[in-house]
Amino acid sequence: MPMDMTEKAVADILAQRVRFIREIRGISSETLAEKADISAVYLSRIENRWVQKVSLYVALRIAQALDVSISELTGAKELDQALDIKILQFKEDIKKHGLEDKLETIRKMLPLLG
C-alpha cells in the first residue's frame, strides 16, 4: 500500500532526525540499536527510509537511547509548520476556485461525522 504524503513526511523526518541526532552525539548505528533494543538492520532501514511506519514504542526507545524527547526526535514542530503551510495552500485553492460556501458547509457537517 503506497504511503500518503503525510506518512511519507513523517517517515522522512524521522529518518533524517534519527541519523542527524545520532551523528551529532557521535553514536554508531550499532551502539544506538543496542541501546534502543532493536536490530542494527532495522535501525538502518529506518534511517534509510525503507521503513514506512515506525511504531511509537520503537520511536520512544530510540528517543530514550539518544537522550532526546519524542518531540525532538520526530520533529513535531516542523511537521506542524508543514501542515500549517498545506492548510494555507488549501484555503487559497478554495478561494481561487470560489468554493468558500462549500467549505462552510463542510465545517458545519464535521461535528455530525465525528
N, C-alpha and C. Protein backbone atom coordinates (compact mmCIF):
# COMPACT_ATOMS: atom_id res chain seq x y z
N MET A 1 0.85 -1.18 0.00
CA MET A 1 0.00 0.00 0.00
C MET A 1 0.89 1.25 0.00
N PRO A 2 0.70 2.15 -0.95
CA PRO A 2 1.53 3.35 -1.02
C PRO A 2 1.25 4.29 0.15
N MET A 3 2.30 5.01 0.56
CA MET A 3 2.16 5.98 1.64
C MET A 3 1.51 7.24 1.11
N ASP A 4 0.68 7.89 1.95
CA ASP A 4 0.20 9.20 1.57
C ASP A 4 1.30 10.21 1.92
N MET A 5 1.09 11.45 1.55
CA MET A 5 2.14 12.46 1.72
C MET A 5 2.47 12.70 3.19
N THR A 6 1.47 12.62 4.08
CA THR A 6 1.74 12.84 5.49
C THR A 6 2.59 11.71 6.04
N GLU A 7 2.27 10.47 5.70
CA GLU A 7 3.07 9.34 6.16
C GLU A 7 4.50 9.44 5.63
N LYS A 8 4.63 9.83 4.38
CA LYS A 8 5.96 9.98 3.79
C LYS A 8 6.74 11.08 4.50
N ALA A 9 6.07 12.18 4.81
CA ALA A 9 6.74 13.28 5.52
C ALA A 9 7.21 12.82 6.89
N VAL A 10 6.37 12.08 7.60
CA VAL A 10 6.75 11.59 8.92
C VAL A 10 7.94 10.65 8.82
N ALA A 11 7.88 9.70 7.87
CA ALA A 11 8.98 8.75 7.69
C ALA A 11 10.27 9.47 7.33
N ASP A 12 10.19 10.45 6.44
CA ASP A 12 11.38 11.20 6.03
C ASP A 12 11.97 11.99 7.19
N ILE A 13 11.11 12.67 7.93
CA ILE A 13 11.59 13.48 9.05
C ILE A 13 12.21 12.60 10.13
N LEU A 14 11.53 11.50 10.46
CA LEU A 14 12.07 10.60 11.48
C LEU A 14 13.43 10.06 11.04
N ALA A 15 13.54 9.64 9.79
CA ALA A 15 14.81 9.11 9.28
C ALA A 15 15.91 10.16 9.39
N GLN A 16 15.61 11.36 8.96
CA GLN A 16 16.61 12.44 9.00
C GLN A 16 17.02 12.76 10.43
N ARG A 17 16.01 12.86 11.31
CA ARG A 17 16.29 13.25 12.69
C ARG A 17 17.08 12.17 13.44
N VAL A 18 16.72 10.91 13.25
CA VAL A 18 17.44 9.84 13.94
C VAL A 18 18.91 9.87 13.54
N ARG A 19 19.17 9.91 12.24
CA ARG A 19 20.57 9.91 11.78
C ARG A 19 21.30 11.17 12.23
N PHE A 20 20.65 12.33 12.08
CA PHE A 20 21.28 13.60 12.44
C PHE A 20 21.66 13.62 13.93
N ILE A 21 20.70 13.28 14.79
CA ILE A 21 20.97 13.32 16.24
C ILE A 21 22.01 12.27 16.60
N ARG A 22 21.92 11.09 16.01
CA ARG A 22 22.90 10.03 16.29
C ARG A 22 24.31 10.50 15.92
N GLU A 23 24.45 11.10 14.74
CA GLU A 23 25.77 11.56 14.30
C GLU A 23 26.28 12.72 15.15
N ILE A 24 25.38 13.64 15.53
CA ILE A 24 25.78 14.77 16.39
C ILE A 24 26.30 14.25 17.73
N ARG A 25 25.64 13.21 18.23
CA ARG A 25 26.02 12.62 19.53
C ARG A 25 27.25 11.71 19.40
N GLY A 26 27.68 11.45 18.16
CA GLY A 26 28.84 10.60 17.95
C GLY A 26 28.60 9.14 18.30
N ILE A 27 27.35 8.70 18.08
CA ILE A 27 26.98 7.32 18.40
C ILE A 27 26.92 6.52 17.11
N SER A 28 27.51 5.35 17.11
CA SER A 28 27.41 4.49 15.93
C SER A 28 26.00 3.92 15.84
N SER A 29 25.63 3.51 14.64
CA SER A 29 24.30 2.93 14.47
C SER A 29 24.18 1.63 15.28
N GLU A 30 25.26 0.88 15.37
CA GLU A 30 25.24 -0.36 16.15
C GLU A 30 25.00 -0.08 17.63
N THR A 31 25.67 0.94 18.16
CA THR A 31 25.51 1.30 19.57
C THR A 31 24.09 1.79 19.83
N LEU A 32 23.57 2.64 18.94
CA LEU A 32 22.21 3.13 19.12
C LEU A 32 21.21 1.98 19.07
N ALA A 33 21.38 1.10 18.12
CA ALA A 33 20.47 -0.04 18.00
C ALA A 33 20.49 -0.87 19.28
N GLU A 34 21.67 -1.10 19.81
CA GLU A 34 21.79 -1.88 21.05
C GLU A 34 21.10 -1.16 22.21
N LYS A 35 21.36 0.15 22.34
CA LYS A 35 20.74 0.92 23.42
C LYS A 35 19.21 0.96 23.30
N ALA A 36 18.72 1.00 22.06
CA ALA A 36 17.27 1.07 21.83
C ALA A 36 16.63 -0.32 21.81
N ASP A 37 17.46 -1.34 21.91
CA ASP A 37 17.00 -2.74 21.89
C ASP A 37 16.25 -3.08 20.60
N ILE A 38 16.85 -2.63 19.48
CA ILE A 38 16.36 -3.01 18.15
C ILE A 38 17.55 -3.50 17.35
N SER A 39 17.30 -4.18 16.26
CA SER A 39 18.42 -4.68 15.46
C SER A 39 19.06 -3.52 14.68
N ALA A 40 20.35 -3.67 14.43
CA ALA A 40 21.07 -2.66 13.65
C ALA A 40 20.50 -2.58 12.23
N VAL A 41 20.04 -3.71 11.71
CA VAL A 41 19.44 -3.73 10.38
C VAL A 41 18.15 -2.90 10.37
N TYR A 42 17.32 -3.06 11.41
CA TYR A 42 16.07 -2.29 11.48
C TYR A 42 16.36 -0.80 11.60
N LEU A 43 17.34 -0.43 12.42
CA LEU A 43 17.71 0.98 12.55
C LEU A 43 18.19 1.52 11.21
N SER A 44 18.98 0.75 10.50
CA SER A 44 19.46 1.16 9.18
C SER A 44 18.29 1.38 8.23
N ARG A 45 17.32 0.49 8.29
CA ARG A 45 16.13 0.62 7.44
C ARG A 45 15.35 1.89 7.78
N ILE A 46 15.26 2.22 9.07
CA ILE A 46 14.59 3.45 9.49
C ILE A 46 15.34 4.66 8.93
N GLU A 47 16.65 4.69 9.16
CA GLU A 47 17.46 5.83 8.72
C GLU A 47 17.49 5.99 7.20
N ASN A 48 17.33 4.91 6.48
CA ASN A 48 17.36 4.96 5.01
C ASN A 48 15.97 5.00 4.38
N ARG A 49 14.97 5.24 5.21
CA ARG A 49 13.58 5.41 4.76
C ARG A 49 12.99 4.16 4.10
N TRP A 50 13.47 3.00 4.51
CA TRP A 50 12.90 1.76 3.97
C TRP A 50 11.74 1.29 4.83
N VAL A 51 11.64 1.83 6.04
CA VAL A 51 10.52 1.50 6.93
C VAL A 51 9.50 2.62 6.79
N GLN A 52 8.30 2.27 6.38
CA GLN A 52 7.27 3.28 6.14
C GLN A 52 6.63 3.78 7.42
N LYS A 53 6.45 2.88 8.38
CA LYS A 53 5.81 3.27 9.64
C LYS A 53 6.58 2.67 10.80
N VAL A 54 7.02 3.54 11.69
CA VAL A 54 7.73 3.10 12.89
C VAL A 54 6.75 3.21 14.05
N SER A 55 6.66 2.17 14.85
CA SER A 55 5.73 2.21 15.98
C SER A 55 6.17 3.27 16.98
N LEU A 56 5.21 3.78 17.71
CA LEU A 56 5.51 4.76 18.75
C LEU A 56 6.45 4.16 19.79
N TYR A 57 6.26 2.89 20.09
CA TYR A 57 7.11 2.20 21.07
C TYR A 57 8.58 2.21 20.62
N VAL A 58 8.83 1.90 19.36
CA VAL A 58 10.20 1.90 18.84
C VAL A 58 10.74 3.32 18.80
N ALA A 59 9.93 4.28 18.37
CA ALA A 59 10.37 5.68 18.34
C ALA A 59 10.73 6.15 19.75
N LEU A 60 9.94 5.77 20.75
CA LEU A 60 10.25 6.14 22.13
C LEU A 60 11.57 5.52 22.60
N ARG A 61 11.80 4.27 22.24
CA ARG A 61 13.06 3.61 22.63
C ARG A 61 14.25 4.30 21.97
N ILE A 62 14.10 4.68 20.72
CA ILE A 62 15.18 5.38 20.03
C ILE A 62 15.42 6.74 20.68
N ALA A 63 14.33 7.46 20.98
CA ALA A 63 14.45 8.77 21.63
C ALA A 63 15.17 8.64 22.97
N GLN A 64 14.79 7.66 23.76
CA GLN A 64 15.44 7.44 25.06
C GLN A 64 16.91 7.11 24.88
N ALA A 65 17.22 6.28 23.91
CA ALA A 65 18.61 5.90 23.66
C ALA A 65 19.45 7.10 23.22
N LEU A 66 18.81 8.05 22.53
CA LEU A 66 19.50 9.26 22.09
C LEU A 66 19.45 10.38 23.13
N ASP A 67 18.69 10.14 24.21
CA ASP A 67 18.51 11.13 25.28
C ASP A 67 17.87 12.42 24.76
N VAL A 68 16.79 12.24 23.97
CA VAL A 68 16.01 13.37 23.49
C VAL A 68 14.53 13.06 23.72
N SER A 69 13.70 14.09 23.65
CA SER A 69 12.27 13.87 23.78
C SER A 69 11.72 13.32 22.46
N ILE A 70 10.57 12.73 22.53
CA ILE A 70 9.93 12.22 21.30
C ILE A 70 9.64 13.37 20.35
N SER A 71 9.32 14.54 20.89
CA SER A 71 9.07 15.72 20.03
C SER A 71 10.32 16.12 19.27
N GLU A 72 11.45 16.09 19.96
CA GLU A 72 12.71 16.41 19.30
C GLU A 72 13.04 15.38 18.22
N LEU A 73 12.80 14.12 18.54
CA LEU A 73 13.12 13.06 17.60
C LEU A 73 12.23 13.11 16.36
N THR A 74 10.96 13.36 16.56
CA THR A 74 10.03 13.32 15.43
C THR A 74 9.95 14.63 14.68
N GLY A 75 10.54 15.68 15.23
CA GLY A 75 10.43 16.97 14.56
C GLY A 75 9.00 17.45 14.52
N ALA A 76 8.26 17.20 15.62
CA ALA A 76 6.83 17.53 15.66
C ALA A 76 6.56 18.98 15.30
N LYS A 77 7.41 19.87 15.74
CA LYS A 77 7.23 21.30 15.45
C LYS A 77 7.31 21.55 13.94
N GLU A 78 8.30 20.91 13.30
CA GLU A 78 8.46 21.07 11.86
C GLU A 78 7.26 20.51 11.11
N LEU A 79 6.73 19.38 11.60
CA LEU A 79 5.55 18.79 10.96
C LEU A 79 4.35 19.72 11.09
N ASP A 80 4.18 20.31 12.27
CA ASP A 80 3.08 21.25 12.47
C ASP A 80 3.20 22.42 11.49
N GLN A 81 4.41 22.92 11.32
CA GLN A 81 4.62 24.03 10.39
C GLN A 81 4.31 23.60 8.96
N ALA A 82 4.73 22.40 8.58
CA ALA A 82 4.45 21.91 7.22
C ALA A 82 2.96 21.75 7.01
N LEU A 83 2.25 21.24 8.02
CA LEU A 83 0.80 21.08 7.90
C LEU A 83 0.11 22.43 7.83
N ASP A 84 0.60 23.41 8.60
CA ASP A 84 0.03 24.76 8.54
C ASP A 84 0.16 25.33 7.13
N ILE A 85 1.31 25.11 6.50
CA ILE A 85 1.52 25.59 5.14
C ILE A 85 0.55 24.92 4.19
N LYS A 86 0.36 23.60 4.33
CA LYS A 86 -0.58 22.88 3.46
C LYS A 86 -2.01 23.38 3.66
N ILE A 87 -2.38 23.67 4.89
CA ILE A 87 -3.72 24.19 5.17
C ILE A 87 -3.91 25.56 4.52
N LEU A 88 -2.89 26.41 4.63
CA LEU A 88 -2.98 27.73 3.99
C LEU A 88 -3.10 27.60 2.47
N GLN A 89 -2.33 26.67 1.89
CA GLN A 89 -2.42 26.45 0.44
C GLN A 89 -3.81 25.95 0.05
N PHE A 90 -4.36 25.06 0.87
CA PHE A 90 -5.71 24.53 0.62
C PHE A 90 -6.73 25.66 0.67
N LYS A 91 -6.62 26.53 1.67
CA LYS A 91 -7.55 27.66 1.79
C LYS A 91 -7.43 28.59 0.58
N GLU A 92 -6.21 28.82 0.12
CA GLU A 92 -6.01 29.66 -1.06
C GLU A 92 -6.65 29.03 -2.30
N ASP A 93 -6.49 27.70 -2.43
CA ASP A 93 -7.11 27.00 -3.55
C ASP A 93 -8.62 27.10 -3.51
N ILE A 94 -9.19 27.01 -2.32
CA ILE A 94 -10.65 27.12 -2.16
C ILE A 94 -11.12 28.50 -2.62
N LYS A 95 -10.41 29.54 -2.18
CA LYS A 95 -10.77 30.90 -2.58
C LYS A 95 -10.60 31.09 -4.08
N LYS A 96 -9.51 30.55 -4.61
CA LYS A 96 -9.20 30.69 -6.04
C LYS A 96 -10.32 30.10 -6.91
N HIS A 97 -10.91 29.01 -6.42
CA HIS A 97 -11.95 28.33 -7.19
C HIS A 97 -13.37 28.72 -6.74
N GLY A 98 -13.45 29.71 -5.85
CA GLY A 98 -14.75 30.19 -5.40
C GLY A 98 -15.57 29.16 -4.65
N LEU A 99 -14.93 28.39 -3.80
CA LEU A 99 -15.63 27.32 -3.09
C LEU A 99 -15.80 27.60 -1.59
N GLU A 100 -15.75 28.87 -1.19
CA GLU A 100 -15.86 29.21 0.23
C GLU A 100 -17.16 28.71 0.84
N ASP A 101 -18.26 28.80 0.08
CA ASP A 101 -19.55 28.34 0.60
C ASP A 101 -19.54 26.84 0.86
N LYS A 102 -18.85 26.09 0.01
CA LYS A 102 -18.75 24.64 0.19
C LYS A 102 -17.94 24.32 1.46
N LEU A 103 -16.89 25.09 1.70
CA LEU A 103 -16.08 24.88 2.89
C LEU A 103 -16.90 25.11 4.15
N GLU A 104 -17.72 26.13 4.14
CA GLU A 104 -18.57 26.42 5.30
C GLU A 104 -19.56 25.27 5.54
N THR A 105 -20.10 24.70 4.48
CA THR A 105 -20.99 23.56 4.62
C THR A 105 -20.26 22.37 5.23
N ILE A 106 -19.03 22.13 4.79
CA ILE A 106 -18.22 21.03 5.33
C ILE A 106 -17.94 21.27 6.82
N ARG A 107 -17.60 22.49 7.19
CA ARG A 107 -17.34 22.81 8.61
C ARG A 107 -18.56 22.49 9.48
N LYS A 108 -19.73 22.81 8.98
CA LYS A 108 -20.95 22.55 9.73
C LYS A 108 -21.23 21.05 9.85
N MET A 109 -20.83 20.27 8.84
CA MET A 109 -21.10 18.85 8.83
C MET A 109 -20.09 18.03 9.66
N LEU A 110 -18.90 18.55 9.85
CA LEU A 110 -17.86 17.80 10.54
C LEU A 110 -18.29 17.27 11.92
N PRO A 111 -18.91 18.07 12.76
CA PRO A 111 -19.31 17.53 14.06
C PRO A 111 -20.30 16.36 13.92
N LEU A 112 -21.09 16.37 12.89
CA LEU A 112 -22.06 15.30 12.68
C LEU A 112 -21.38 14.00 12.28
N LEU A 113 -20.22 14.12 11.63
CA LEU A 113 -19.50 12.93 11.17
C LEU A 113 -18.65 12.31 12.27
N GLY A 114 -18.29 13.14 13.27
CA GLY A 114 -17.36 12.76 14.30
C GLY A 114 -17.71 11.60 15.11
